[in-house]
Amino acid sequence: MSNNDILKKLRVALHLKNTEIIEILKLVDFKVTESELGAIFRKEDHPNYKACGDQILRNFLNGLVIHLRGPREEPTTSKE
């Protein structure tokens, strides 16, 4: 299974639109355009197909964690 397939399946399972995926990627300061994202979701034999790299998938998953759970809270240290 390729990174493209994983990203497609997550998009369908979570009912995400392309604009929502872009916003999720922005949460981890990773910028991608709608046309780049559209190229990732194309079929492999399409002339404008683009392989989804590990970096895009990794940043999407990290952004998804922030999107679903909220930003990570820093542990508080109590001074006595």
N, C-alpha and C. Protein backbone atom coordinates (compact mmCIF):
# COMPACT_ATOMS: atom_id res chain seq x y z
N MET A 1 0.86 -1.17 0.00
CA MET A 1 0.00 0.00 0.00
C MET A 1 0.91 1.24 0.00
N SER A 2 0.63 2.16 -0.88
CA SER A 2 1.46 3.36 -1.00
C SER A 2 0.96 4.45 -0.05
N ASN A 3 1.79 5.48 0.11
CA ASN A 3 1.40 6.63 0.93
C ASN A 3 0.16 7.30 0.36
N ASN A 4 0.04 7.31 -0.98
CA ASN A 4 -1.14 7.90 -1.61
C ASN A 4 -2.40 7.14 -1.19
N ASP A 5 -2.32 5.81 -1.18
CA ASP A 5 -3.47 4.99 -0.79
C ASP A 5 -3.85 5.26 0.67
N ILE A 6 -2.86 5.37 1.54
CA ILE A 6 -3.12 5.62 2.96
C ILE A 6 -3.81 6.96 3.13
N LEU A 7 -3.29 7.99 2.45
CA LEU A 7 -3.89 9.32 2.56
C LEU A 7 -5.32 9.34 2.02
N LYS A 8 -5.54 8.64 0.90
CA LYS A 8 -6.89 8.56 0.33
C LYS A 8 -7.85 7.87 1.30
N LYS A 9 -7.42 6.77 1.89
CA LYS A 9 -8.29 6.03 2.81
C LYS A 9 -8.60 6.84 4.07
N LEU A 10 -7.62 7.58 4.57
CA LEU A 10 -7.87 8.43 5.73
C LEU A 10 -8.83 9.56 5.38
N ARG A 11 -8.70 10.12 4.18
CA ARG A 11 -9.61 11.18 3.75
C ARG A 11 -11.04 10.68 3.71
N VAL A 12 -11.24 9.49 3.17
CA VAL A 12 -12.59 8.92 3.07
C VAL A 12 -13.11 8.54 4.46
N ALA A 13 -12.29 7.87 5.26
CA ALA A 13 -12.72 7.40 6.57
C ALA A 13 -13.10 8.55 7.51
N LEU A 14 -12.38 9.66 7.40
CA LEU A 14 -12.62 10.79 8.28
C LEU A 14 -13.51 11.87 7.65
N HIS A 15 -14.00 11.59 6.44
CA HIS A 15 -14.88 12.52 5.72
C HIS A 15 -14.25 13.90 5.58
N LEU A 16 -12.99 13.94 5.15
CA LEU A 16 -12.27 15.21 5.02
C LEU A 16 -12.32 15.73 3.59
N LYS A 17 -12.45 17.03 3.48
CA LYS A 17 -12.36 17.69 2.17
C LYS A 17 -10.92 18.13 1.98
N ASN A 18 -10.55 18.44 0.74
CA ASN A 18 -9.18 18.87 0.47
C ASN A 18 -8.81 20.11 1.26
N THR A 19 -9.76 21.04 1.42
CA THR A 19 -9.47 22.25 2.18
C THR A 19 -9.20 21.93 3.65
N GLU A 20 -9.88 20.92 4.18
CA GLU A 20 -9.65 20.53 5.57
C GLU A 20 -8.28 19.88 5.73
N ILE A 21 -7.86 19.10 4.74
CA ILE A 21 -6.54 18.48 4.77
C ILE A 21 -5.46 19.56 4.74
N ILE A 22 -5.67 20.59 3.93
CA ILE A 22 -4.71 21.70 3.87
C ILE A 22 -4.63 22.40 5.22
N GLU A 23 -5.77 22.61 5.88
CA GLU A 23 -5.78 23.25 7.19
C GLU A 23 -5.07 22.38 8.23
N ILE A 24 -5.26 21.07 8.15
CA ILE A 24 -4.59 20.15 9.07
C ILE A 24 -3.08 20.23 8.88
N LEU A 25 -2.64 20.30 7.64
CA LEU A 25 -1.20 20.41 7.37
C LEU A 25 -0.65 21.75 7.85
N LYS A 26 -1.47 22.80 7.82
CA LYS A 26 -1.03 24.10 8.31
C LYS A 26 -0.79 24.08 9.82
N LEU A 27 -1.45 23.18 10.53
CA LEU A 27 -1.27 23.09 11.98
C LEU A 27 0.16 22.72 12.35
N VAL A 28 0.86 22.06 11.44
CA VAL A 28 2.26 21.69 11.68
C VAL A 28 3.19 22.48 10.78
N ASP A 29 2.73 23.63 10.31
CA ASP A 29 3.50 24.55 9.47
C ASP A 29 4.02 23.88 8.20
N PHE A 30 3.17 23.07 7.58
CA PHE A 30 3.51 22.44 6.31
C PHE A 30 2.51 22.95 5.28
N LYS A 31 3.03 23.60 4.26
CA LYS A 31 2.16 24.22 3.26
C LYS A 31 2.09 23.34 2.01
N VAL A 32 0.88 23.14 1.54
CA VAL A 32 0.64 22.40 0.31
C VAL A 32 -0.54 23.08 -0.39
N THR A 33 -0.48 23.17 -1.70
CA THR A 33 -1.56 23.82 -2.44
C THR A 33 -2.64 22.80 -2.79
N GLU A 34 -3.81 23.34 -3.17
CA GLU A 34 -4.90 22.45 -3.54
C GLU A 34 -4.57 21.64 -4.79
N SER A 35 -3.83 22.24 -5.72
CA SER A 35 -3.47 21.51 -6.94
C SER A 35 -2.47 20.39 -6.63
N GLU A 36 -1.53 20.63 -5.71
CA GLU A 36 -0.61 19.56 -5.31
C GLU A 36 -1.36 18.42 -4.64
N LEU A 37 -2.32 18.78 -3.80
CA LEU A 37 -3.11 17.76 -3.11
C LEU A 37 -3.96 16.98 -4.11
N GLY A 38 -4.52 17.68 -5.09
CA GLY A 38 -5.30 17.01 -6.13
C GLY A 38 -4.45 16.03 -6.92
N ALA A 39 -3.19 16.38 -7.16
CA ALA A 39 -2.29 15.49 -7.90
C ALA A 39 -2.00 14.23 -7.10
N ILE A 40 -1.97 14.34 -5.79
CA ILE A 40 -1.73 13.17 -4.94
C ILE A 40 -2.92 12.22 -4.99
N PHE A 41 -4.13 12.75 -5.12
CA PHE A 41 -5.32 11.92 -5.11
C PHE A 41 -5.69 11.37 -6.49
N ARG A 42 -4.92 11.68 -7.51
CA ARG A 42 -5.19 11.15 -8.86
C ARG A 42 -4.74 9.70 -8.96
N LYS A 43 -5.21 9.03 -10.02
CA LYS A 43 -4.78 7.66 -10.28
C LYS A 43 -3.35 7.68 -10.80
N GLU A 44 -2.64 6.57 -10.57
CA GLU A 44 -1.22 6.50 -10.94
C GLU A 44 -0.97 6.71 -12.43
N ASP A 45 -1.91 6.32 -13.26
CA ASP A 45 -1.68 6.44 -14.70
C ASP A 45 -2.05 7.82 -15.26
N HIS A 46 -2.53 8.71 -14.40
CA HIS A 46 -2.87 10.07 -14.84
C HIS A 46 -1.58 10.86 -15.06
N PRO A 47 -1.52 11.71 -16.09
CA PRO A 47 -0.29 12.47 -16.36
C PRO A 47 0.12 13.43 -15.25
N ASN A 48 -0.83 13.92 -14.46
CA ASN A 48 -0.51 14.87 -13.39
C ASN A 48 -0.42 14.21 -12.02
N TYR A 49 -0.30 12.90 -11.99
CA TYR A 49 -0.18 12.15 -10.73
C TYR A 49 1.12 12.55 -10.02
N LYS A 50 1.04 12.65 -8.70
CA LYS A 50 2.22 12.94 -7.88
C LYS A 50 2.24 11.95 -6.73
N ALA A 51 3.39 11.33 -6.53
CA ALA A 51 3.53 10.40 -5.41
C ALA A 51 3.56 11.18 -4.10
N CYS A 52 2.88 10.64 -3.11
CA CYS A 52 2.85 11.25 -1.78
C CYS A 52 4.10 10.81 -1.04
N GLY A 53 4.95 11.75 -0.72
CA GLY A 53 6.18 11.42 -0.02
C GLY A 53 5.95 11.15 1.45
N ASP A 54 6.96 10.59 2.08
CA ASP A 54 6.88 10.30 3.51
C ASP A 54 6.67 11.57 4.33
N GLN A 55 7.28 12.67 3.89
CA GLN A 55 7.18 13.92 4.63
C GLN A 55 5.74 14.44 4.67
N ILE A 56 5.04 14.36 3.56
CA ILE A 56 3.65 14.84 3.53
C ILE A 56 2.78 13.98 4.44
N LEU A 57 2.92 12.66 4.33
CA LEU A 57 2.11 11.77 5.14
C LEU A 57 2.42 11.95 6.63
N ARG A 58 3.70 12.05 6.97
CA ARG A 58 4.11 12.22 8.37
C ARG A 58 3.54 13.52 8.93
N ASN A 59 3.65 14.60 8.18
CA ASN A 59 3.12 15.88 8.65
C ASN A 59 1.60 15.87 8.74
N PHE A 60 0.94 15.17 7.81
CA PHE A 60 -0.51 15.06 7.88
C PHE A 60 -0.92 14.31 9.15
N LEU A 61 -0.24 13.21 9.46
CA LEU A 61 -0.59 12.44 10.66
C LEU A 61 -0.33 13.25 11.93
N ASN A 62 0.77 13.98 11.97
CA ASN A 62 1.05 14.84 13.13
C ASN A 62 0.01 15.95 13.26
N GLY A 63 -0.38 16.54 12.14
CA GLY A 63 -1.42 17.56 12.15
C GLY A 63 -2.77 17.00 12.54
N LEU A 64 -3.03 15.77 12.14
CA LEU A 64 -4.30 15.12 12.47
C LEU A 64 -4.41 14.91 13.97
N VAL A 65 -3.32 14.56 14.61
CA VAL A 65 -3.32 14.40 16.06
C VAL A 65 -3.68 15.72 16.73
N ILE A 66 -3.07 16.80 16.26
CA ILE A 66 -3.38 18.13 16.83
C ILE A 66 -4.83 18.50 16.54
N HIS A 67 -5.30 18.20 15.33
CA HIS A 67 -6.67 18.53 14.93
C HIS A 67 -7.69 17.79 15.81
N LEU A 68 -7.43 16.53 16.10
CA LEU A 68 -8.40 15.72 16.85
C LEU A 68 -8.27 15.89 18.37
N ARG A 69 -7.05 16.02 18.86
CA ARG A 69 -6.82 16.09 20.30
C ARG A 69 -6.63 17.50 20.83
N GLY A 70 -6.22 18.40 19.97
CA GLY A 70 -5.88 19.75 20.41
C GLY A 70 -4.38 19.86 20.58
N PRO A 71 -3.87 21.07 20.73
CA PRO A 71 -2.42 21.25 20.87
C PRO A 71 -1.91 20.59 22.14
N ARG A 72 -0.66 20.18 22.06
CA ARG A 72 -0.05 19.51 23.20
C ARG A 72 0.21 20.51 24.31
N GLU A 73 -0.21 20.14 25.49
CA GLU A 73 0.00 21.01 26.65
C GLU A 73 1.37 20.70 27.25
N GLU A 74 2.07 21.77 27.59
CA GLU A 74 3.35 21.59 28.25
C GLU A 74 3.12 21.14 29.67
N PRO A 75 3.91 20.19 30.14
CA PRO A 75 3.72 19.74 31.54
C PRO A 75 4.09 20.86 32.50
N THR A 76 3.26 20.99 33.50
CA THR A 76 3.50 22.04 34.48
C THR A 76 4.38 21.49 35.59
N THR A 77 5.35 22.24 35.95
CA THR A 77 6.22 21.84 37.06
C THR A 77 5.84 22.67 38.27
N SER A 78 5.63 21.97 39.36
CA SER A 78 5.25 22.70 40.57
C SER A 78 6.49 22.99 41.38
N LYS A 79 6.61 24.24 41.75
CA LYS A 79 7.75 24.66 42.59
C LYS A 79 7.27 24.76 44.02
N GLU A 80 7.95 24.06 44.86
CA GLU A 80 7.54 24.08 46.27
C GLU A 80 8.53 24.82 47.11
